[in-house]
Amino acid sequence: MKSTPPSLQEAAPAVAIFYIFAAGFLFSCLDSSAKYLVLSGIPTAFISWMRFVEHAVLALIFFKVWSSPKLFKVRNMPLQLARGLCLFGSTYFNFQALQTMQLGETITITFAAPMVIAALAGPLLGEWAGWRRWAAIVVAFIGVLIIARPGFGAINPGLPYSITAMLSYSLYVLLTRRMAATESPESLIFFSALAPAILMSPAIVQATIPETPFQILLLLMLGFFGGLGHYLIVLAYRRASTAALAPYPFLQIIWMLAFGYFFFQQFPDVYTLCGAAIVIGSGLYVVHRERQVRLARLKGL
């Protein structure tokens, strides 16, 4: 009996899906904590710095760098630093956006990243998108316009920050794709935190001393939420292919809507929900189309 090659097996195991779902929960905790802290008056730059310093320290401890320093051997330091700066931009601008935008709104803008990645993968990675995926990109852009509603009153001041965060995240993913074959997972996790921590070190000068034990707790938990979330993503992709897991990050919107409602008494309006449905639908189509193209290539080998 002819067996199916592993490269063609696209079903994701339940444990990998659980890791993605749990990572979405942790990232939602991170964004909710950051939103609470920025609304409490703590500067965004300091919150971002704390998040990355804690992430870097936890990575050093968790991977026991003192017993196996080769885990952090780097082949291309400029790309490592560039990737870290992209992650910093994604985090910092997202935290800025959360001052005025709802959690459900910012995550919806983030969900446009797969379309941006598909568009930029051509000139940056040589992975050119066909007309179907370009159509999905245009439709997703329409979904973002529905959320922004330009011309129908004042645009939320956090929207430009949210879009910039999404673009930074897209570049972060593209650099990750390029570097995954040559750099170790440990170095990718560590240096993505170290570069922003060094860059944002002047933020200590602007630090506002937390006023309550709860604020201190949230500040100390930022690195845990972000670091563990990224580690669960790594574990998930060790157990399943990128294509098999691609639809599941969209489940994070469940956590974001729930946290926004229960902790901030906010729920997106009908325009945001419609725009989110369009963006998510376009993203799922891009995922489906990339899977079809890849399977066709594998079967032709």
Protein backbone atom coordinates (compact mmCIF):
# COMPACT_ATOMS: atom_id res chain seq x y z
CA MET A 1 0.00 0.00 0.00
CA LYS A 2 1.38 3.35 -1.03
CA SER A 3 1.81 5.74 1.89
CA THR A 4 1.32 9.47 1.72
CA PRO A 5 4.59 11.39 1.88
CA PRO A 6 4.98 13.41 5.10
CA SER A 7 5.22 16.62 3.07
CA LEU A 8 1.68 16.05 1.81
CA GLN A 9 0.14 15.34 5.18
CA GLU A 10 -1.61 18.60 6.04
CA ALA A 11 -3.70 17.69 9.11
CA ALA A 12 -2.44 19.42 12.23
CA PRO A 13 -2.28 17.29 15.39
CA ALA A 14 -4.48 18.39 18.26
CA VAL A 15 -1.50 19.27 20.47
CA ALA A 16 -0.15 21.70 17.85
CA ILE A 17 -3.55 23.38 17.54
CA PHE A 18 -3.69 23.64 21.33
CA TYR A 19 -0.28 25.35 21.38
CA ILE A 20 -1.48 27.92 18.83
CA PHE A 21 -4.70 28.52 20.77
CA ALA A 22 -2.76 28.86 24.06
CA ALA A 23 -0.29 31.24 22.41
CA GLY A 24 -3.23 33.38 21.27
CA PHE A 25 -4.45 33.47 24.87
CA LEU A 26 -1.02 34.61 26.10
CA PHE A 27 -0.71 37.27 23.40
CA SER A 28 -4.18 38.51 24.33
CA CYS A 29 -3.06 38.70 27.96
CA LEU A 30 -0.04 40.70 26.79
CA ASP A 31 -2.14 43.19 24.82
CA SER A 32 -4.75 43.49 27.57
CA SER A 33 -2.05 44.13 30.18
CA ALA A 34 -0.39 46.72 27.95
CA LYS A 35 -3.71 48.45 27.33
CA TYR A 36 -4.41 48.65 31.06
CA LEU A 37 -0.92 50.01 31.75
CA VAL A 38 -0.95 52.68 29.03
CA LEU A 39 -4.40 53.81 30.17
CA SER A 40 -2.93 54.04 33.68
CA GLY A 41 -0.42 56.62 32.42
CA ILE A 42 2.72 54.48 32.14
CA PRO A 43 4.71 55.46 29.00
CA THR A 44 4.46 53.08 26.05
CA ALA A 45 8.23 53.09 25.55
CA PHE A 46 8.86 51.90 29.11
CA ILE A 47 6.19 49.18 28.84
CA SER A 48 7.78 47.95 25.60
CA TRP A 49 11.24 47.98 27.18
CA MET A 50 10.06 45.94 30.17
CA ARG A 51 8.40 43.42 27.87
CA PHE A 52 11.62 42.76 25.91
CA VAL A 53 14.05 42.82 28.85
CA GLU A 54 11.96 40.22 30.67
CA HIS A 55 11.67 38.17 27.48
CA ALA A 56 15.46 38.18 27.01
CA VAL A 57 16.18 37.26 30.65
CA LEU A 58 13.63 34.42 30.60
CA ALA A 59 15.16 33.08 27.37
CA LEU A 60 18.62 33.03 28.95
CA ILE A 61 17.32 31.16 31.99
CA PHE A 62 15.03 28.77 30.15
CA PHE A 63 17.60 27.72 27.55
CA LYS A 64 20.45 27.62 30.15
CA VAL A 65 22.86 29.53 27.94
CA TRP A 66 25.69 29.10 30.48
CA SER A 67 25.71 25.31 29.84
CA SER A 68 25.22 25.42 26.08
CA PRO A 69 26.26 28.79 24.63
CA LYS A 70 26.39 27.33 21.11
CA LEU A 71 22.57 27.48 21.10
CA PHE A 72 22.92 31.21 20.50
CA LYS A 73 25.50 31.00 17.76
CA VAL A 74 24.50 33.53 15.14
CA ARG A 75 25.24 33.27 11.42
CA ASN A 76 23.83 36.63 10.34
CA MET A 77 23.78 39.24 13.09
CA PRO A 78 22.54 42.16 10.90
CA LEU A 79 19.43 40.15 9.98
CA GLN A 80 18.96 39.13 13.62
CA LEU A 81 19.03 42.80 14.65
CA ALA A 82 16.73 43.82 11.79
CA ARG A 83 14.26 41.11 12.79
CA GLY A 84 14.39 42.30 16.40
CA LEU A 85 13.71 45.88 15.31
CA CYS A 86 10.70 44.71 13.33
CA LEU A 87 9.33 42.92 16.39
CA PHE A 88 9.96 46.06 18.43
CA GLY A 89 8.01 48.12 15.90
CA SER A 90 5.16 45.64 15.98
CA THR A 91 5.01 45.75 19.79
CA TYR A 92 5.60 49.46 20.36
CA PHE A 93 3.15 50.72 17.75
CA ASN A 94 0.55 48.18 18.81
CA PHE A 95 0.80 49.39 22.41
CA GLN A 96 0.44 52.96 21.14
CA ALA A 97 -2.69 52.00 19.20
CA LEU A 98 -4.23 50.36 22.27
CA GLN A 99 -4.52 53.75 23.96
CA THR A 100 -7.49 54.62 21.75
CA MET A 101 -8.44 51.42 19.91
CA GLN A 102 -10.27 48.35 21.16
CA LEU A 103 -8.54 45.00 21.43
CA GLY A 104 -10.82 43.56 18.76
CA GLU A 105 -9.95 46.39 16.37
CA THR A 106 -6.18 46.07 16.71
CA ILE A 107 -6.19 42.29 16.27
CA THR A 108 -8.33 42.65 13.16
CA ILE A 109 -5.76 45.01 11.62
CA THR A 110 -3.08 42.48 12.54
CA PHE A 111 -5.01 39.81 10.66
CA ALA A 112 -4.29 41.72 7.45
CA ALA A 113 -0.63 40.68 7.83
CA PRO A 114 -0.94 37.43 5.78
CA MET A 115 -2.04 39.48 2.78
CA VAL A 116 0.86 41.93 3.19
CA ILE A 117 3.24 39.00 3.60
CA ALA A 118 1.89 37.42 0.41
CA ALA A 119 2.41 40.72 -1.44
CA LEU A 120 5.95 41.31 -0.15
CA ALA A 121 7.11 37.71 -0.42
CA GLY A 122 7.59 38.20 -4.17
CA PRO A 123 10.19 41.00 -4.16
CA LEU A 124 11.80 39.89 -0.86
CA LEU A 125 11.74 36.09 -1.07
CA GLY A 126 10.94 35.35 -4.71
CA GLU A 127 7.55 33.85 -3.78
CA TRP A 128 5.29 35.72 -6.19
CA ALA A 129 1.53 35.85 -5.58
CA GLY A 130 -0.90 34.97 -8.36
CA TRP A 131 -3.98 36.95 -9.34
CA ARG A 132 -6.23 35.05 -6.91
CA ARG A 133 -4.12 35.98 -3.93
CA TRP A 134 -3.84 39.56 -5.17
CA ALA A 135 -7.64 39.65 -5.33
CA ALA A 136 -7.77 38.46 -1.72
CA ILE A 137 -5.29 41.19 -0.76
CA VAL A 138 -7.52 43.85 -2.35
CA VAL A 139 -10.59 42.45 -0.58
CA ALA A 140 -8.75 42.48 2.75
CA PHE A 141 -7.80 46.11 2.17
CA ILE A 142 -11.49 46.88 1.66
CA GLY A 143 -12.15 45.20 5.01
CA VAL A 144 -9.58 47.46 6.69
CA LEU A 145 -11.25 50.49 5.05
CA ILE A 146 -14.60 49.40 6.49
CA ILE A 147 -13.03 49.33 9.94
CA ALA A 148 -11.35 52.73 9.45
CA ARG A 149 -14.36 54.30 7.65
CA PRO A 150 -12.41 57.24 6.17
CA GLY A 151 -14.72 60.11 5.31
CA PHE A 152 -17.31 59.05 7.89
CA GLY A 153 -16.20 61.13 10.85
CA ALA A 154 -12.85 61.37 12.58
CA ILE A 155 -10.44 58.46 12.09
CA ASN A 156 -9.32 56.82 15.29
CA PRO A 157 -5.88 58.31 16.11
CA GLY A 158 -4.62 54.85 16.97
CA LEU A 159 -5.29 53.46 13.48
CA PRO A 160 -2.00 54.64 11.88
CA TYR A 161 -0.12 53.06 14.79
CA SER A 162 -2.02 49.80 14.37
CA ILE A 163 -1.31 49.67 10.63
CA THR A 164 2.38 50.41 11.25
CA ALA A 165 2.47 47.62 13.84
CA MET A 166 0.93 45.22 11.30
CA LEU A 167 3.47 46.18 8.63
CA SER A 168 6.33 45.72 11.12
CA TYR A 169 4.98 42.31 12.04
CA SER A 170 4.76 41.33 8.36
CA LEU A 171 8.44 42.17 7.87
CA TYR A 172 9.24 40.24 11.05
CA VAL A 173 7.54 37.12 9.65
CA LEU A 174 9.28 37.46 6.28
CA LEU A 175 12.67 37.74 7.98
CA THR A 176 11.80 34.72 10.14
CA ARG A 177 11.01 32.71 7.01
CA ARG A 178 14.32 33.70 5.47
CA MET A 179 16.40 32.98 8.58
CA ALA A 180 14.68 29.80 9.86
CA ALA A 181 16.88 27.53 7.73
CA THR A 182 20.19 28.96 9.00
CA GLU A 183 19.55 30.25 12.53
CA SER A 184 18.62 28.20 15.61
CA PRO A 185 15.16 28.65 17.18
CA GLU A 186 16.86 29.65 20.46
CA SER A 187 18.82 32.46 18.81
CA LEU A 188 15.71 33.67 16.99
CA ILE A 189 13.79 33.88 20.26
CA PHE A 190 16.63 35.49 22.24
CA PHE A 191 17.92 38.10 19.79
CA SER A 192 14.42 39.17 18.80
CA ALA A 193 14.10 40.38 22.40
CA LEU A 194 17.67 41.55 23.01
CA ALA A 195 17.77 44.02 20.10
CA PRO A 196 14.62 45.93 21.18
CA ALA A 197 15.73 45.85 24.84
CA ILE A 198 18.99 47.58 23.94
CA LEU A 199 17.26 50.02 21.58
CA MET A 200 14.69 51.03 24.19
CA SER A 201 17.11 51.31 27.13
CA PRO A 202 16.77 55.15 27.16
CA ALA A 203 13.11 54.57 28.02
CA ILE A 204 14.18 53.92 31.61
CA VAL A 205 14.65 57.67 31.98
CA GLN A 206 10.96 58.19 31.14
CA ALA A 207 9.80 55.48 33.50
CA THR A 208 6.77 56.20 35.63
CA ILE A 209 6.81 54.37 38.94
CA PRO A 210 3.76 52.06 39.13
CA GLU A 211 1.30 53.16 41.76
CA THR A 212 -0.28 49.82 42.66
CA PRO A 213 0.92 46.25 43.22
CA PHE A 214 -1.35 45.16 40.34
CA GLN A 215 0.47 47.47 37.92
CA ILE A 216 3.82 46.07 39.10
CA LEU A 217 2.51 42.52 38.61
CA LEU A 218 1.36 43.28 35.07
CA LEU A 219 4.70 44.87 34.19
CA LEU A 220 6.54 41.80 35.48
CA MET A 221 4.24 39.45 33.56
CA LEU A 222 4.70 41.11 30.14
CA GLY A 223 7.85 39.16 29.30
CA PHE A 224 6.27 35.93 30.49
CA PHE A 225 3.20 36.39 28.28
CA GLY A 226 5.24 37.31 25.22
CA GLY A 227 8.14 34.88 25.72
CA LEU A 228 6.00 31.83 26.50
CA GLY A 229 3.63 32.70 23.68
CA HIS A 230 6.46 32.74 21.14
CA TYR A 231 7.89 29.50 22.56
CA LEU A 232 4.51 27.77 22.16
CA ILE A 233 4.48 28.93 18.55
CA VAL A 234 7.87 27.26 18.04
CA LEU A 235 6.58 24.03 19.64
CA ALA A 236 3.49 24.09 17.43
CA TYR A 237 5.49 24.42 14.22
CA ARG A 238 7.77 21.56 15.28
CA ARG A 239 4.71 19.30 15.26
CA ALA A 240 2.86 20.53 12.18
CA SER A 241 3.53 22.36 8.94
CA THR A 242 3.02 26.08 8.50
CA ALA A 243 0.14 25.42 6.10
CA ALA A 244 -1.62 23.03 8.46
CA LEU A 245 -1.55 25.57 11.30
CA ALA A 246 -2.11 28.73 9.27
CA PRO A 247 -5.88 29.09 9.92
CA TYR A 248 -5.64 28.72 13.70
CA PRO A 249 -3.99 32.03 14.72
CA PHE A 250 -7.24 33.69 13.66
CA LEU A 251 -8.82 32.08 16.73
CA GLN A 252 -7.07 34.74 18.81
CA ILE A 253 -9.91 37.10 18.03
CA ILE A 254 -12.06 35.03 20.42
CA TRP A 255 -9.75 35.88 23.30
CA MET A 256 -9.40 39.52 22.27
CA LEU A 257 -13.14 40.11 22.02
CA ALA A 258 -13.71 38.37 25.36
CA PHE A 259 -10.98 40.33 27.14
CA GLY A 260 -12.15 43.60 25.62
CA TYR A 261 -15.69 42.98 26.82
CA PHE A 262 -14.96 41.69 30.33
CA PHE A 263 -12.02 43.92 31.27
CA PHE A 264 -12.70 47.14 29.36
CA GLN A 265 -16.46 46.94 28.69
CA GLN A 266 -15.78 47.36 24.97
CA PHE A 267 -17.25 45.46 22.05
CA PRO A 268 -16.66 46.26 18.38
CA ASP A 269 -19.47 47.91 16.42
CA VAL A 270 -21.11 46.32 13.39
CA TYR A 271 -18.66 47.99 10.96
CA THR A 272 -15.65 46.57 12.78
CA LEU A 273 -17.22 43.11 12.91
CA CYS A 274 -18.04 43.22 9.18
CA GLY A 275 -14.53 44.42 8.37
CA ALA A 276 -13.06 41.69 10.59
CA ALA A 277 -15.10 39.03 8.80
CA ILE A 278 -13.82 40.27 5.42
CA VAL A 279 -10.18 40.43 6.56
CA ILE A 280 -10.31 37.00 8.19
CA GLY A 281 -12.09 35.49 5.20
CA SER A 282 -9.45 36.91 2.86
CA GLY A 283 -6.68 35.61 5.09
CA LEU A 284 -8.17 32.13 5.16
CA TYR A 285 -8.45 32.16 1.37
CA VAL A 286 -4.78 33.14 1.04
CA VAL A 287 -3.88 30.28 3.39
CA HIS A 288 -6.00 27.85 1.34
CA ARG A 289 -4.56 29.03 -1.96
CA GLU A 290 -0.95 28.77 -0.75
CA ARG A 291 -1.67 25.23 0.44
CA GLN A 292 -3.10 24.27 -2.96
CA VAL A 293 -0.12 25.72 -4.83
CA ARG A 294 2.38 23.99 -2.58
CA LEU A 295 0.64 20.60 -2.79
CA ALA A 296 0.49 20.89 -6.58
CA ARG A 297 4.24 21.48 -6.66
CA LEU A 298 4.95 18.57 -4.34
CA LYS A 299 2.80 16.19 -6.37
CA GLY A 300 4.63 17.26 -9.50
CA LEU A 301 8.01 16.26 -8.08
